[in-house]
Amino acid sequence: MIDKVKLPEVWLRGPLNDIPALLQPVAHALLQAREELNELMVDFPDPLLWDKVAGLASPGFHLQHLAGVLDRLFTYAKGEGLSADQLTYLAAEGTPAETIGSTALVKRFNLQVDSAVKQLANTNQSTLTDKRGVGRAQVPSTVIGLYVHAAEHTMRHLGQLLVTVKVLKQEL
């Protein structure tokens, strides 16, 4: 068996083509999260997808939330409100969906990261301090504030997912 070559973390691989300089760290964090999540979820047993450890969130919730929150935060960054589909998805986060397996949830997250990176590439740096409202209450933020929060929130949930998945797999 040939060992996989371990690449350095995404941020150590150099600048990403087409991503504005000020948004490189956001794109690096999202791409790093995608790599780690995909590696973590290889062969994850679907019967454990909605199991909780010590009453904490299940892997299924984290996977749903990771995709959903990226979608929502990047929508707000565009200055748009959430669609009916996004609100429905938000309401369903954490609800066990036995017909949806981990592979489908990982795929949705991957597609959301692709969409986010594309949006970053198309963002004019002169708009980064533009004001944006978050949620129904239109809590004030900025374009860059939303992007940075999306990256940090993604990494936070990835860390929680990592611990939960490792504990659940150990209990097998």
C-alpha atoms as a PDB file:
ATOM      1  CA  MET A   1       0.000   0.000   0.000  1.00  0.00           C
ATOM      2  CA  ILE A   2       1.314   3.446  -0.922  1.00  0.00           C
ATOM      3  CA  ASP A   3       1.090   6.142   1.730  1.00  0.00           C
ATOM      4  CA  LYS A   4      -0.760   9.269   0.678  1.00  0.00           C
ATOM      5  CA  VAL A   5       1.447  12.300   0.352  1.00  0.00           C
ATOM      6  CA  LYS A   6       0.388  14.712   3.076  1.00  0.00           C
ATOM      7  CA  LEU A   7       0.077  18.204   1.626  1.00  0.00           C
ATOM      8  CA  PRO A   8       0.732  21.249   3.765  1.00  0.00           C
ATOM      9  CA  GLU A   9      -2.343  23.066   5.023  1.00  0.00           C
ATOM     10  CA  VAL A  10      -4.103  25.049   2.313  1.00  0.00           C
ATOM     11  CA  TRP A  11      -2.842  28.422   3.554  1.00  0.00           C
ATOM     12  CA  LEU A  12       0.740  27.180   3.189  1.00  0.00           C
ATOM     13  CA  ARG A  13       0.284  26.245  -0.476  1.00  0.00           C
ATOM     14  CA  GLY A  14       0.380  29.825  -1.674  1.00  0.00           C
ATOM     15  CA  PRO A  15      -2.141  32.322  -2.979  1.00  0.00           C
ATOM     16  CA  LEU A  16      -5.280  31.037  -4.656  1.00  0.00           C
ATOM     17  CA  ASN A  17      -5.839  32.163  -8.221  1.00  0.00           C
ATOM     18  CA  ASP A  18      -8.619  34.701  -8.727  1.00  0.00           C
ATOM     19  CA  ILE A  19      -9.221  35.312  -4.998  1.00  0.00           C
ATOM     20  CA  PRO A  20      -8.700  38.928  -3.887  1.00  0.00           C
ATOM     21  CA  ALA A  21      -5.746  39.285  -1.518  1.00  0.00           C
ATOM     22  CA  LEU A  22      -7.830  40.363   1.471  1.00  0.00           C
ATOM     23  CA  LEU A  23     -10.095  37.320   1.060  1.00  0.00           C
ATOM     24  CA  GLN A  24      -7.334  34.719   0.744  1.00  0.00           C
ATOM     25  CA  PRO A  25      -7.571  33.716   4.450  1.00  0.00           C
ATOM     26  CA  VAL A  26     -11.319  33.135   4.141  1.00  0.00           C
ATOM     27  CA  ALA A  27     -10.901  30.942   1.061  1.00  0.00           C
ATOM     28  CA  HIS A  28      -7.971  29.086   2.645  1.00  0.00           C
ATOM     29  CA  ALA A  29     -10.028  28.317   5.770  1.00  0.00           C
ATOM     30  CA  LEU A  30     -13.024  27.075   3.778  1.00  0.00           C
ATOM     31  CA  LEU A  31     -10.895  24.870   1.529  1.00  0.00           C
ATOM     32  CA  GLN A  32      -9.003  23.499   4.543  1.00  0.00           C
ATOM     33  CA  ALA A  33     -12.295  22.703   6.258  1.00  0.00           C
ATOM     34  CA  ARG A  34     -13.504  20.888   3.148  1.00  0.00           C
ATOM     35  CA  GLU A  35     -10.366  18.750   2.955  1.00  0.00           C
ATOM     36  CA  GLU A  36     -10.517  17.826   6.638  1.00  0.00           C
ATOM     37  CA  LEU A  37     -14.257  17.136   6.592  1.00  0.00           C
ATOM     38  CA  ASN A  38     -14.004  14.893   3.538  1.00  0.00           C
ATOM     39  CA  GLU A  39     -11.166  12.906   5.085  1.00  0.00           C
ATOM     40  CA  LEU A  40     -13.002  12.623   8.418  1.00  0.00           C
ATOM     41  CA  MET A  41     -16.251  11.375   6.899  1.00  0.00           C
ATOM     42  CA  VAL A  42     -14.787   8.607   4.716  1.00  0.00           C
ATOM     43  CA  ASP A  43     -16.662   5.398   5.567  1.00  0.00           C
ATOM     44  CA  PHE A  44     -18.663   7.056   8.345  1.00  0.00           C
ATOM     45  CA  PRO A  45     -21.489   4.667   9.292  1.00  0.00           C
ATOM     46  CA  ASP A  46     -24.843   6.291   8.526  1.00  0.00           C
ATOM     47  CA  PRO A  47     -26.574   4.636  11.513  1.00  0.00           C
ATOM     48  CA  LEU A  48     -24.464   6.946  13.724  1.00  0.00           C
ATOM     49  CA  LEU A  49     -25.296  10.111  11.784  1.00  0.00           C
ATOM     50  CA  TRP A  50     -27.894  11.370  14.272  1.00  0.00           C
ATOM     51  CA  ASP A  51     -26.299  10.009  17.447  1.00  0.00           C
ATOM     52  CA  LYS A  52     -25.262  12.505  20.082  1.00  0.00           C
ATOM     53  CA  VAL A  53     -22.290  12.374  22.416  1.00  0.00           C
ATOM     54  CA  ALA A  54     -22.980  13.695  25.925  1.00  0.00           C
ATOM     55  CA  GLY A  55     -26.131  15.390  24.637  1.00  0.00           C
ATOM     56  CA  LEU A  56     -24.193  17.513  22.145  1.00  0.00           C
ATOM     57  CA  ALA A  57     -25.054  17.998  18.482  1.00  0.00           C
ATOM     58  CA  SER A  58     -24.995  14.995  16.185  1.00  0.00           C
ATOM     59  CA  PRO A  59     -22.744  14.645  13.125  1.00  0.00           C
ATOM     60  CA  GLY A  60     -25.859  15.026  10.979  1.00  0.00           C
ATOM     61  CA  PHE A  61     -26.633  18.399  12.540  1.00  0.00           C
ATOM     62  CA  HIS A  62     -23.080  19.653  12.032  1.00  0.00           C
ATOM     63  CA  LEU A  63     -23.075  18.554   8.391  1.00  0.00           C
ATOM     64  CA  GLN A  64     -26.437  20.200   7.728  1.00  0.00           C
ATOM     65  CA  HIS A  65     -25.443  23.345   9.594  1.00  0.00           C
ATOM     66  CA  LEU A  66     -22.051  23.703   7.908  1.00  0.00           C
ATOM     67  CA  ALA A  67     -23.659  23.862   4.472  1.00  0.00           C
ATOM     68  CA  GLY A  68     -26.618  25.932   5.611  1.00  0.00           C
ATOM     69  CA  VAL A  69     -24.711  28.589   7.501  1.00  0.00           C
ATOM     70  CA  LEU A  70     -22.294  29.135   4.607  1.00  0.00           C
ATOM     71  CA  ASP A  71     -25.238  29.555   2.275  1.00  0.00           C
ATOM     72  CA  ARG A  72     -26.955  32.023   4.601  1.00  0.00           C
ATOM     73  CA  LEU A  73     -23.917  34.130   5.481  1.00  0.00           C
ATOM     74  CA  PHE A  74     -22.820  34.410   1.857  1.00  0.00           C
ATOM     75  CA  THR A  75     -26.385  35.378   0.896  1.00  0.00           C
ATOM     76  CA  TYR A  76     -26.305  38.193   3.455  1.00  0.00           C
ATOM     77  CA  ALA A  77     -22.880  39.250   2.140  1.00  0.00           C
ATOM     78  CA  LYS A  78     -24.513  39.759  -1.273  1.00  0.00           C
ATOM     79  CA  GLY A  79     -27.016  42.069   0.414  1.00  0.00           C
ATOM     80  CA  GLU A  80     -29.881  39.639  -0.079  1.00  0.00           C
ATOM     81  CA  GLY A  81     -32.446  38.167   2.269  1.00  0.00           C
ATOM     82  CA  LEU A  82     -33.009  34.466   2.712  1.00  0.00           C
ATOM     83  CA  SER A  83     -35.277  32.620   0.303  1.00  0.00           C
ATOM     84  CA  ALA A  84     -38.147  30.378   1.358  1.00  0.00           C
ATOM     85  CA  ASP A  85     -35.952  27.348   0.579  1.00  0.00           C
ATOM     86  CA  GLN A  86     -33.165  28.657   2.814  1.00  0.00           C
ATOM     87  CA  LEU A  87     -35.617  29.256   5.669  1.00  0.00           C
ATOM     88  CA  THR A  88     -37.026  25.751   5.258  1.00  0.00           C
ATOM     89  CA  TYR A  89     -33.522  24.295   5.289  1.00  0.00           C
ATOM     90  CA  LEU A  90     -32.678  26.287   8.432  1.00  0.00           C
ATOM     91  CA  ALA A  91     -35.797  25.012  10.205  1.00  0.00           C
ATOM     92  CA  ALA A  92     -34.850  21.408   9.375  1.00  0.00           C
ATOM     93  CA  GLU A  93     -31.230  21.599  10.584  1.00  0.00           C
ATOM     94  CA  GLY A  94     -30.711  18.989  13.268  1.00  0.00           C
ATOM     95  CA  THR A  95     -33.856  17.055  12.424  1.00  0.00           C
ATOM     96  CA  PRO A  96     -32.920  13.439  11.708  1.00  0.00           C
ATOM     97  CA  ALA A  97     -33.512  12.659   8.070  1.00  0.00           C
ATOM     98  CA  GLU A  98     -33.099   8.905   7.702  1.00  0.00           C
ATOM     99  CA  THR A  99     -33.326   9.169   3.914  1.00  0.00           C
ATOM    100  CA  ILE A 100     -30.253  11.420   3.731  1.00  0.00           C
ATOM    101  CA  GLY A 101     -26.888   9.818   4.365  1.00  0.00           C
ATOM    102  CA  SER A 102     -23.549  11.302   5.254  1.00  0.00           C
ATOM    103  CA  THR A 103     -22.352  11.101   1.642  1.00  0.00           C
ATOM    104  CA  ALA A 104     -25.165  13.390   0.484  1.00  0.00           C
ATOM    105  CA  LEU A 105     -24.537  15.830   3.351  1.00  0.00           C
ATOM    106  CA  VAL A 106     -20.801  15.946   2.601  1.00  0.00           C
ATOM    107  CA  LYS A 107     -21.572  16.532  -1.077  1.00  0.00           C
ATOM    108  CA  ARG A 108     -23.876  19.434  -0.189  1.00  0.00           C
ATOM    109  CA  PHE A 109     -21.142  20.984   1.972  1.00  0.00           C
ATOM    110  CA  ASN A 110     -18.592  20.574  -0.837  1.00  0.00           C
ATOM    111  CA  LEU A 111     -20.904  22.294  -3.310  1.00  0.00           C
ATOM    112  CA  GLN A 112     -21.495  25.112  -0.828  1.00  0.00           C
ATOM    113  CA  VAL A 113     -17.747  25.623  -0.393  1.00  0.00           C
ATOM    114  CA  ASP A 114     -17.384  25.733  -4.187  1.00  0.00           C
ATOM    115  CA  SER A 115     -20.118  28.366  -4.362  1.00  0.00           C
ATOM    116  CA  ALA A 116     -18.552  30.394  -1.542  1.00  0.00           C
ATOM    117  CA  VAL A 117     -15.098  30.374  -3.138  1.00  0.00           C
ATOM    118  CA  LYS A 118     -16.634  31.453  -6.448  1.00  0.00           C
ATOM    119  CA  GLN A 119     -18.400  34.318  -4.677  1.00  0.00           C
ATOM    120  CA  LEU A 120     -15.140  35.337  -2.994  1.00  0.00           C
ATOM    121  CA  ALA A 121     -13.432  35.383  -6.401  1.00  0.00           C
ATOM    122  CA  ASN A 122     -16.153  37.689  -7.718  1.00  0.00           C
ATOM    123  CA  THR A 123     -16.057  40.066  -4.753  1.00  0.00           C
ATOM    124  CA  ASN A 124     -14.695  43.529  -5.377  1.00  0.00           C
ATOM    125  CA  GLN A 125     -12.371  44.396  -2.476  1.00  0.00           C
ATOM    126  CA  SER A 126     -13.752  47.944  -2.438  1.00  0.00           C
ATOM    127  CA  THR A 127     -17.072  46.520  -1.149  1.00  0.00           C
ATOM    128  CA  LEU A 128     -15.623  44.708   1.881  1.00  0.00           C
ATOM    129  CA  THR A 129     -16.594  47.433   4.351  1.00  0.00           C
ATOM    130  CA  ASP A 130     -20.081  47.874   2.885  1.00  0.00           C
ATOM    131  CA  LYS A 131     -22.780  47.447   5.493  1.00  0.00           C
ATOM    132  CA  ARG A 132     -24.937  44.343   5.439  1.00  0.00           C
ATOM    133  CA  GLY A 133     -27.908  43.339   7.585  1.00  0.00           C
ATOM    134  CA  VAL A 134     -28.082  39.877   9.116  1.00  0.00           C
ATOM    135  CA  GLY A 135     -31.359  38.071   9.659  1.00  0.00           C
ATOM    136  CA  ARG A 136     -34.853  39.403  10.036  1.00  0.00           C
ATOM    137  CA  ALA A 137     -33.628  41.922  12.611  1.00  0.00           C
ATOM    138  CA  GLN A 138     -31.004  43.189  10.137  1.00  0.00           C
ATOM    139  CA  VAL A 139     -28.259  43.086  12.760  1.00  0.00           C
ATOM    140  CA  PRO A 140     -25.440  45.236  11.347  1.00  0.00           C
ATOM    141  CA  SER A 141     -22.356  43.673   9.820  1.00  0.00           C
ATOM    142  CA  THR A 142     -20.161  44.189   6.775  1.00  0.00           C
ATOM    143  CA  VAL A 143     -19.276  42.086   3.749  1.00  0.00           C
ATOM    144  CA  ILE A 144     -15.887  41.187   5.211  1.00  0.00           C
ATOM    145  CA  GLY A 145     -17.433  40.614   8.638  1.00  0.00           C
ATOM    146  CA  LEU A 146     -19.788  38.038   7.156  1.00  0.00           C
ATOM    147  CA  TYR A 147     -17.037  36.332   5.184  1.00  0.00           C
ATOM    148  CA  VAL A 148     -14.677  36.116   8.155  1.00  0.00           C
ATOM    149  CA  HIS A 149     -17.440  34.876  10.430  1.00  0.00           C
ATOM    150  CA  ALA A 150     -18.391  32.242   7.847  1.00  0.00           C
ATOM    151  CA  ALA A 151     -14.805  30.945   7.846  1.00  0.00           C
ATOM    152  CA  GLU A 152     -14.435  30.939  11.633  1.00  0.00           C
ATOM    153  CA  HIS A 153     -17.884  29.440  12.184  1.00  0.00           C
ATOM    154  CA  THR A 154     -17.111  26.694   9.680  1.00  0.00           C
ATOM    155  CA  MET A 155     -13.861  25.834  11.442  1.00  0.00           C
ATOM    156  CA  ARG A 156     -15.590  25.857  14.846  1.00  0.00           C
ATOM    157  CA  HIS A 157     -18.238  23.365  13.724  1.00  0.00           C
ATOM    158  CA  LEU A 158     -15.629  21.263  11.946  1.00  0.00           C
ATOM    159  CA  GLY A 159     -13.774  20.942  15.252  1.00  0.00           C
ATOM    160  CA  GLN A 160     -16.950  19.887  17.030  1.00  0.00           C
ATOM    161  CA  LEU A 161     -17.748  17.420  14.240  1.00  0.00           C
ATOM    162  CA  LEU A 162     -14.251  15.968  14.401  1.00  0.00           C
ATOM    163  CA  VAL A 163     -14.501  15.199  18.123  1.00  0.00           C
ATOM    164  CA  THR A 164     -18.046  13.827  17.858  1.00  0.00           C
ATOM    165  CA  VAL A 165     -17.212  11.553  14.912  1.00  0.00           C
ATOM    166  CA  LYS A 166     -14.056  10.222  16.579  1.00  0.00           C
ATOM    167  CA  VAL A 167     -15.905   9.450  19.821  1.00  0.00           C
ATOM    168  CA  LEU A 168     -18.793   7.759  17.986  1.00  0.00           C
ATOM    169  CA  LYS A 169     -16.418   5.644  15.880  1.00  0.00           C
ATOM    170  CA  GLN A 170     -14.510   4.633  19.009  1.00  0.00           C
ATOM    171  CA  GLU A 171     -17.746   3.410  20.596  1.00  0.00           C
ATOM    172  CA  LEU A 172     -18.318   0.913  17.746  1.00  0.00           C
END
